[in-house]
C-alpha atoms as a PDB file:
ATOM      1  CA  MET A   1     292.060 -77.220 179.718  1.00  0.00           C
ATOM      2  CA  ARG A   2     294.136 -80.399 180.139  1.00  0.00           C
ATOM      3  CA  ILE A   3     294.629 -81.549 183.764  1.00  0.00           C
ATOM      4  CA  PRO A   4     295.575 -85.250 183.726  1.00  0.00           C
ATOM      5  CA  GLN A   5     295.964 -87.575 186.682  1.00  0.00           C
ATOM      6  CA  ARG A   6     299.446 -89.116 186.746  1.00  0.00           C
ATOM      7  CA  GLU A   7     300.252 -92.444 188.399  1.00  0.00           C
ATOM      8  CA  LYS A   8     302.227 -91.376 191.480  1.00  0.00           C
ATOM      9  CA  GLU A   9     301.086 -87.796 192.019  1.00  0.00           C
ATOM     10  CA  ARG A  10     298.604 -85.280 190.713  1.00  0.00           C
ATOM     11  CA  ASP A  11     300.415 -83.059 188.263  1.00  0.00           C
ATOM     12  CA  VAL A  12     299.255 -80.690 185.570  1.00  0.00           C
ATOM     13  CA  MET A  13     300.235 -80.678 181.946  1.00  0.00           C
ATOM     14  CA  PRO A  14     301.581 -77.422 180.584  1.00  0.00           C
ATOM     15  CA  LEU A  15     298.942 -75.115 179.193  1.00  0.00           C
ATOM     16  CA  SER A  16     298.626 -74.645 175.451  1.00  0.00           C
ATOM     17  CA  LEU A  17     297.795 -71.425 173.624  1.00  0.00           C
ATOM     18  CA  ALA A  18     294.193 -72.671 173.249  1.00  0.00           C
ATOM     19  CA  ASP A  19     293.996 -73.323 177.027  1.00  0.00           C
ATOM     20  CA  LEU A  20     294.906 -69.717 177.765  1.00  0.00           C
ATOM     21  CA  ALA A  21     291.654 -68.507 176.217  1.00  0.00           C
ATOM     22  CA  THR A  22     289.574 -70.511 178.724  1.00  0.00           C
ATOM     23  CA  LEU A  23     291.426 -69.749 181.975  1.00  0.00           C
ATOM     24  CA  GLY A  24     289.278 -66.922 183.267  1.00  0.00           C
ATOM     25  CA  ASN A  25     290.591 -66.050 186.742  1.00  0.00           C
ATOM     26  CA  THR A  26     292.217 -69.447 187.309  1.00  0.00           C
ATOM     27  CA  PRO A  27     295.672 -68.808 188.817  1.00  0.00           C
ATOM     28  CA  ILE A  28     298.708 -70.047 186.897  1.00  0.00           C
ATOM     29  CA  THR A  29     302.416 -70.454 187.531  1.00  0.00           C
ATOM     30  CA  ILE A  30     305.316 -69.509 185.255  1.00  0.00           C
ATOM     31  CA  LYS A  31     307.988 -72.215 185.477  1.00  0.00           C
ATOM     32  CA  SER A  32     311.411 -72.210 183.863  1.00  0.00           C
ATOM     33  CA  TRP A  33     311.674 -74.649 180.975  1.00  0.00           C
ATOM     34  CA  PHE A  34     315.424 -75.032 181.587  1.00  0.00           C
ATOM     35  CA  PHE A  35     315.842 -74.968 185.387  1.00  0.00           C
ATOM     36  CA  PRO A  36     313.919 -77.775 187.146  1.00  0.00           C
ATOM     37  CA  ASN A  37     311.291 -76.685 189.686  1.00  0.00           C
ATOM     38  CA  VAL A  38     312.210 -72.973 189.401  1.00  0.00           C
ATOM     39  CA  TYR A  39     309.354 -70.460 189.130  1.00  0.00           C
ATOM     40  CA  LEU A  40     309.002 -66.762 188.405  1.00  0.00           C
ATOM     41  CA  ARG A  41     308.584 -64.959 191.738  1.00  0.00           C
ATOM     42  CA  MET A  42     307.001 -61.519 192.064  1.00  0.00           C
ATOM     43  CA  ASP A  43     307.055 -59.560 195.312  1.00  0.00           C
ATOM     44  CA  GLY A  44     304.787 -56.536 194.971  1.00  0.00           C
ATOM     45  CA  ALA A  45     304.878 -55.473 198.628  1.00  0.00           C
ATOM     46  CA  GLY A  46     304.488 -51.706 198.756  1.00  0.00           C
ATOM     47  CA  VAL A  47     303.513 -51.399 195.075  1.00  0.00           C
ATOM     48  CA  THR A  48     300.326 -49.378 195.535  1.00  0.00           C
ATOM     49  CA  SER A  49     300.521 -46.730 192.824  1.00  0.00           C
ATOM     50  CA  PHE A  50     301.967 -46.249 189.352  1.00  0.00           C
ATOM     51  CA  ASN A  51     305.744 -45.640 189.254  1.00  0.00           C
ATOM     52  CA  GLY A  52     307.228 -44.810 185.835  1.00  0.00           C
ATOM     53  CA  SER A  53     310.238 -47.085 186.312  1.00  0.00           C
ATOM     54  CA  GLY A  54     308.327 -49.785 188.165  1.00  0.00           C
ATOM     55  CA  SER A  55     309.159 -51.145 191.611  1.00  0.00           C
ATOM     56  CA  GLY A  56     308.955 -54.308 193.652  1.00  0.00           C
ATOM     57  CA  THR A  57     311.051 -57.424 193.020  1.00  0.00           C
ATOM     58  CA  VAL A  58     310.880 -60.096 190.342  1.00  0.00           C
ATOM     59  CA  ASN A  59     313.273 -63.022 190.634  1.00  0.00           C
ATOM     60  CA  CYS A  60     313.237 -66.835 190.942  1.00  0.00           C
ATOM     61  CA  GLN A  61     311.935 -69.278 193.538  1.00  0.00           C
ATOM     62  CA  PHE A  62     312.486 -73.002 193.980  1.00  0.00           C
ATOM     63  CA  GLY A  63     308.961 -74.400 194.068  1.00  0.00           C
ATOM     64  CA  ALA A  64     305.726 -72.457 193.784  1.00  0.00           C
ATOM     65  CA  GLY A  65     304.113 -70.641 196.693  1.00  0.00           C
ATOM     66  CA  PRO A  66     301.847 -67.576 196.905  1.00  0.00           C
ATOM     67  CA  LEU A  67     304.329 -65.170 195.234  1.00  0.00           C
ATOM     68  CA  GLU A  68     304.581 -67.448 192.188  1.00  0.00           C
ATOM     69  CA  LYS A  69     300.890 -67.340 191.248  1.00  0.00           C
ATOM     70  CA  TYR A  70     299.457 -65.103 188.523  1.00  0.00           C
ATOM     71  CA  LYS A  71     296.230 -64.297 186.745  1.00  0.00           C
ATOM     72  CA  LEU A  72     296.731 -64.180 182.992  1.00  0.00           C
ATOM     73  CA  HIS A  73     294.765 -61.366 181.350  1.00  0.00           C
ATOM     74  CA  ARG A  74     294.187 -61.223 177.620  1.00  0.00           C
ATOM     75  CA  GLN A  75     294.162 -57.547 176.646  1.00  0.00           C
ATOM     76  CA  THR A  76     291.854 -56.058 174.012  1.00  0.00           C
ATOM     77  CA  ASP A  77     294.810 -55.874 171.585  1.00  0.00           C
ATOM     78  CA  GLY A  78     295.356 -59.657 171.872  1.00  0.00           C
ATOM     79  CA  PHE A  79     298.455 -59.401 174.056  1.00  0.00           C
ATOM     80  CA  PHE A  80     298.738 -60.748 177.612  1.00  0.00           C
ATOM     81  CA  SER A  81     299.483 -59.293 181.049  1.00  0.00           C
ATOM     82  CA  PHE A  82     300.401 -61.182 184.220  1.00  0.00           C
ATOM     83  CA  GLU A  83     298.786 -59.976 187.461  1.00  0.00           C
ATOM     84  CA  SER A  84     300.003 -61.177 190.856  1.00  0.00           C
ATOM     85  CA  VAL A  85     297.431 -63.222 192.776  1.00  0.00           C
ATOM     86  CA  THR A  86     298.963 -62.079 196.091  1.00  0.00           C
ATOM     87  CA  TRP A  87     299.213 -58.394 195.124  1.00  0.00           C
ATOM     88  CA  PRO A  88     296.003 -57.373 193.266  1.00  0.00           C
ATOM     89  CA  ASN A  89     296.515 -54.923 190.377  1.00  0.00           C
ATOM     90  CA  VAL A  90     300.308 -55.479 190.465  1.00  0.00           C
ATOM     91  CA  TYR A  91     301.631 -56.667 187.093  1.00  0.00           C
ATOM     92  CA  LEU A  92     304.821 -58.122 185.653  1.00  0.00           C
ATOM     93  CA  ARG A  93     306.769 -55.278 183.971  1.00  0.00           C
ATOM     94  CA  MET A  94     309.657 -55.502 181.478  1.00  0.00           C
ATOM     95  CA  ASP A  95     311.953 -52.676 180.322  1.00  0.00           C
ATOM     96  CA  GLY A  96     314.496 -53.625 177.637  1.00  0.00           C
ATOM     97  CA  ALA A  97     315.980 -50.166 177.112  1.00  0.00           C
ATOM     98  CA  GLY A  98     319.591 -50.244 175.925  1.00  0.00           C
ATOM     99  CA  LEU A  99     319.721 -53.907 174.912  1.00  0.00           C
ATOM    100  CA  VAL A 100     321.475 -54.753 171.625  1.00  0.00           C
ATOM    101  CA  PRO A 101     321.468 -57.881 169.415  1.00  0.00           C
ATOM    102  CA  GLY A 102     323.972 -60.477 170.577  1.00  0.00           C
ATOM    103  CA  GLY A 103     324.518 -58.796 173.937  1.00  0.00           C
ATOM    104  CA  ALA A 104     324.210 -60.372 177.348  1.00  0.00           C
ATOM    105  CA  GLY A 105     320.934 -60.176 179.209  1.00  0.00           C
ATOM    106  CA  GLY A 106     320.016 -56.899 180.856  1.00  0.00           C
ATOM    107  CA  GLY A 107     317.263 -54.373 181.185  1.00  0.00           C
ATOM    108  CA  THR A 108     314.833 -54.406 184.084  1.00  0.00           C
ATOM    109  CA  VAL A 109     312.054 -56.771 185.073  1.00  0.00           C
ATOM    110  CA  ASN A 110     309.997 -55.673 188.064  1.00  0.00           C
ATOM    111  CA  CYS A 111     306.403 -54.797 189.034  1.00  0.00           C
ATOM    112  CA  GLN A 112     303.946 -52.079 188.063  1.00  0.00           C
ATOM    113  CA  PHE A 113     300.652 -50.998 189.581  1.00  0.00           C
ATOM    114  CA  GLY A 114     298.229 -51.455 186.690  1.00  0.00           C
ATOM    115  CA  ALA A 115     298.895 -52.791 183.192  1.00  0.00           C
ATOM    116  CA  ASP A 116     300.063 -50.352 180.521  1.00  0.00           C
ATOM    117  CA  THR A 117     302.661 -50.610 177.734  1.00  0.00           C
ATOM    118  CA  HIS A 118     305.544 -52.251 179.652  1.00  0.00           C
ATOM    119  CA  GLU A 119     303.201 -54.899 181.078  1.00  0.00           C
ATOM    120  CA  ARG A 120     302.019 -56.397 177.775  1.00  0.00           C
ATOM    121  CA  PHE A 121     303.551 -59.537 176.303  1.00  0.00           C
ATOM    122  CA  LYS A 122     303.314 -61.568 173.102  1.00  0.00           C
ATOM    123  CA  LEU A 123     303.338 -65.280 173.920  1.00  0.00           C
ATOM    124  CA  PHE A 124     305.148 -67.458 171.380  1.00  0.00           C
ATOM    125  CA  PRO A 125     304.652 -71.240 171.617  1.00  0.00           C
ATOM    126  CA  GLN A 126     307.987 -73.090 171.579  1.00  0.00           C
ATOM    127  CA  SER A 127     308.926 -76.759 171.581  1.00  0.00           C
ATOM    128  CA  GLY A 128     308.520 -78.797 174.751  1.00  0.00           C
ATOM    129  CA  ASP A 129     305.164 -77.192 175.634  1.00  0.00           C
ATOM    130  CA  SER A 130     306.962 -73.959 176.454  1.00  0.00           C
ATOM    131  CA  PHE A 131     306.440 -70.281 175.623  1.00  0.00           C
ATOM    132  CA  SER A 132     308.671 -67.279 175.214  1.00  0.00           C
ATOM    133  CA  PHE A 133     307.376 -63.847 176.267  1.00  0.00           C
ATOM    134  CA  GLU A 134     308.237 -60.867 174.063  1.00  0.00           C
ATOM    135  CA  SER A 135     307.607 -57.231 174.942  1.00  0.00           C
ATOM    136  CA  ALA A 136     304.417 -56.571 172.985  1.00  0.00           C
ATOM    137  CA  THR A 137     304.484 -52.844 172.426  1.00  0.00           C
ATOM    138  CA  VAL A 138     307.615 -51.018 173.571  1.00  0.00           C
ATOM    139  CA  PHE A 139     310.644 -53.275 172.961  1.00  0.00           C
ATOM    140  CA  PRO A 140     310.220 -55.529 169.909  1.00  0.00           C
ATOM    141  CA  GLY A 141     312.656 -58.443 169.989  1.00  0.00           C
ATOM    142  CA  VAL A 142     313.130 -58.210 173.766  1.00  0.00           C
ATOM    143  CA  PHE A 143     312.204 -61.382 175.680  1.00  0.00           C
ATOM    144  CA  LEU A 144     311.789 -62.283 179.345  1.00  0.00           C
ATOM    145  CA  ARG A 145     314.901 -64.143 180.588  1.00  0.00           C
ATOM    146  CA  MET A 146     315.593 -66.242 183.714  1.00  0.00           C
ATOM    147  CA  VAL A 147     318.951 -67.519 184.983  1.00  0.00           C
ATOM    148  CA  ALA A 148     318.565 -69.734 188.040  1.00  0.00           C
ATOM    149  CA  ASP A 149     321.513 -72.132 188.113  1.00  0.00           C
ATOM    150  CA  LYS A 150     322.045 -71.549 191.873  1.00  0.00           C
ATOM    151  CA  VAL A 151     318.354 -71.639 192.836  1.00  0.00           C
ATOM    152  CA  THR A 152     318.090 -75.100 194.392  1.00  0.00           C
ATOM    153  CA  VAL A 153     316.112 -74.454 197.599  1.00  0.00           C
ATOM    154  CA  ALA A 154     313.247 -72.133 198.492  1.00  0.00           C
ATOM    155  CA  THR A 155     314.212 -68.950 200.342  1.00  0.00           C
ATOM    156  CA  ASN A 156     312.159 -66.042 201.695  1.00  0.00           C
ATOM    157  CA  GLN A 157     313.791 -63.545 199.324  1.00  0.00           C
ATOM    158  CA  GLY A 158     314.065 -65.749 196.208  1.00  0.00           C
ATOM    159  CA  GLY A 159     317.196 -65.627 194.048  1.00  0.00           C
ATOM    160  CA  GLY A 160     318.613 -65.936 190.568  1.00  0.00           C
ATOM    161  CA  ILE A 161     318.302 -63.353 187.821  1.00  0.00           C
ATOM    162  CA  VAL A 162     315.218 -62.298 185.895  1.00  0.00           C
ATOM    163  CA  ASN A 163     315.880 -59.729 183.193  1.00  0.00           C
ATOM    164  CA  CYS A 164     315.595 -59.306 179.409  1.00  0.00           C
ATOM    165  CA  GLN A 165     317.296 -60.703 176.310  1.00  0.00           C
ATOM    166  CA  TYR A 166     317.321 -59.071 172.888  1.00  0.00           C
ATOM    167  CA  LEU A 167     317.027 -61.527 169.981  1.00  0.00           C
ATOM    168  CA  GLU A 168     317.005 -60.521 166.341  1.00  0.00           C
ATOM    169  CA  ASP A 169     314.433 -63.168 165.394  1.00  0.00           C
ATOM    170  CA  ALA A 170     311.420 -62.024 167.338  1.00  0.00           C
ATOM    171  CA  THR A 171     309.225 -65.005 166.442  1.00  0.00           C
ATOM    172  CA  ARG A 172     311.139 -68.206 167.265  1.00  0.00           C
ATOM    173  CA  PHE A 173     314.205 -69.583 168.946  1.00  0.00           C
ATOM    174  CA  GLY A 174     316.352 -72.210 167.272  1.00  0.00           C
ATOM    175  CA  PRO A 175     315.990 -75.820 168.431  1.00  0.00           C
ATOM    176  CA  SER A 176     318.846 -75.478 170.920  1.00  0.00           C
ATOM    177  CA  GLY A 177     318.587 -71.742 171.658  1.00  0.00           C
ATOM    178  CA  GLY A 178     316.600 -69.631 174.029  1.00  0.00           C
ATOM    179  CA  ALA A 179     316.812 -71.971 177.017  1.00  0.00           C
ATOM    180  CA  HIS A 180     316.735 -69.069 179.487  1.00  0.00           C
ATOM    181  CA  GLU A 181     313.866 -67.425 177.602  1.00  0.00           C
ATOM    182  CA  ARG A 182     311.430 -70.348 177.662  1.00  0.00           C
ATOM    183  CA  PHE A 183     308.723 -70.910 180.259  1.00  0.00           C
ATOM    184  CA  ILE A 184     306.013 -73.439 181.034  1.00  0.00           C
ATOM    185  CA  LEU A 185     302.586 -72.195 182.089  1.00  0.00           C
ATOM    186  CA  ASP A 186     300.639 -74.457 184.456  1.00  0.00           C
ATOM    187  CA  VAL A 187     297.434 -74.138 186.439  1.00  0.00           C
ATOM    188  CA  ALA A 188     298.530 -73.270 190.003  1.00  0.00           C
ATOM    189  CA  SER A 189     297.910 -75.919 192.615  1.00  0.00           C
END
């Protein structure tokens, strides 16, 4: 795992696909590739049992605090699930029902107690040390999406939009596409 010391401050380099295999229970953050200093926020308060449509809140936060830390779990099928560090056994959930190619973002991204089909993701390395996260089993071609243009300060409730985007090419984004669907994984500080 690469953790370099930079001149003015300690910072971590984005994790690579090879790094993900050696993480163990080391907490990570999921940072937007496009929006500076904006992280995926998951509030799993009250999520204590399985709910078919999920529950809790997933949105954006400026900076990374406790609700922006995850444990990355490699599943036996080779896909990945993201468990909240703050809310044990609460996982990132994505439902892309009803999305069509070329449409605007939509669907639902929230939390689930336990990791089943909607909580499994394929991670695709992209340029700029980033990844895109595709639904691994239920919604092929549906990717995690974050829009955070107005998220410029930290707030208790977070902000922005986290939902899904359907893309016909499920393996790669073009060199200038997929800005809202690209994320940087770092070791949490």
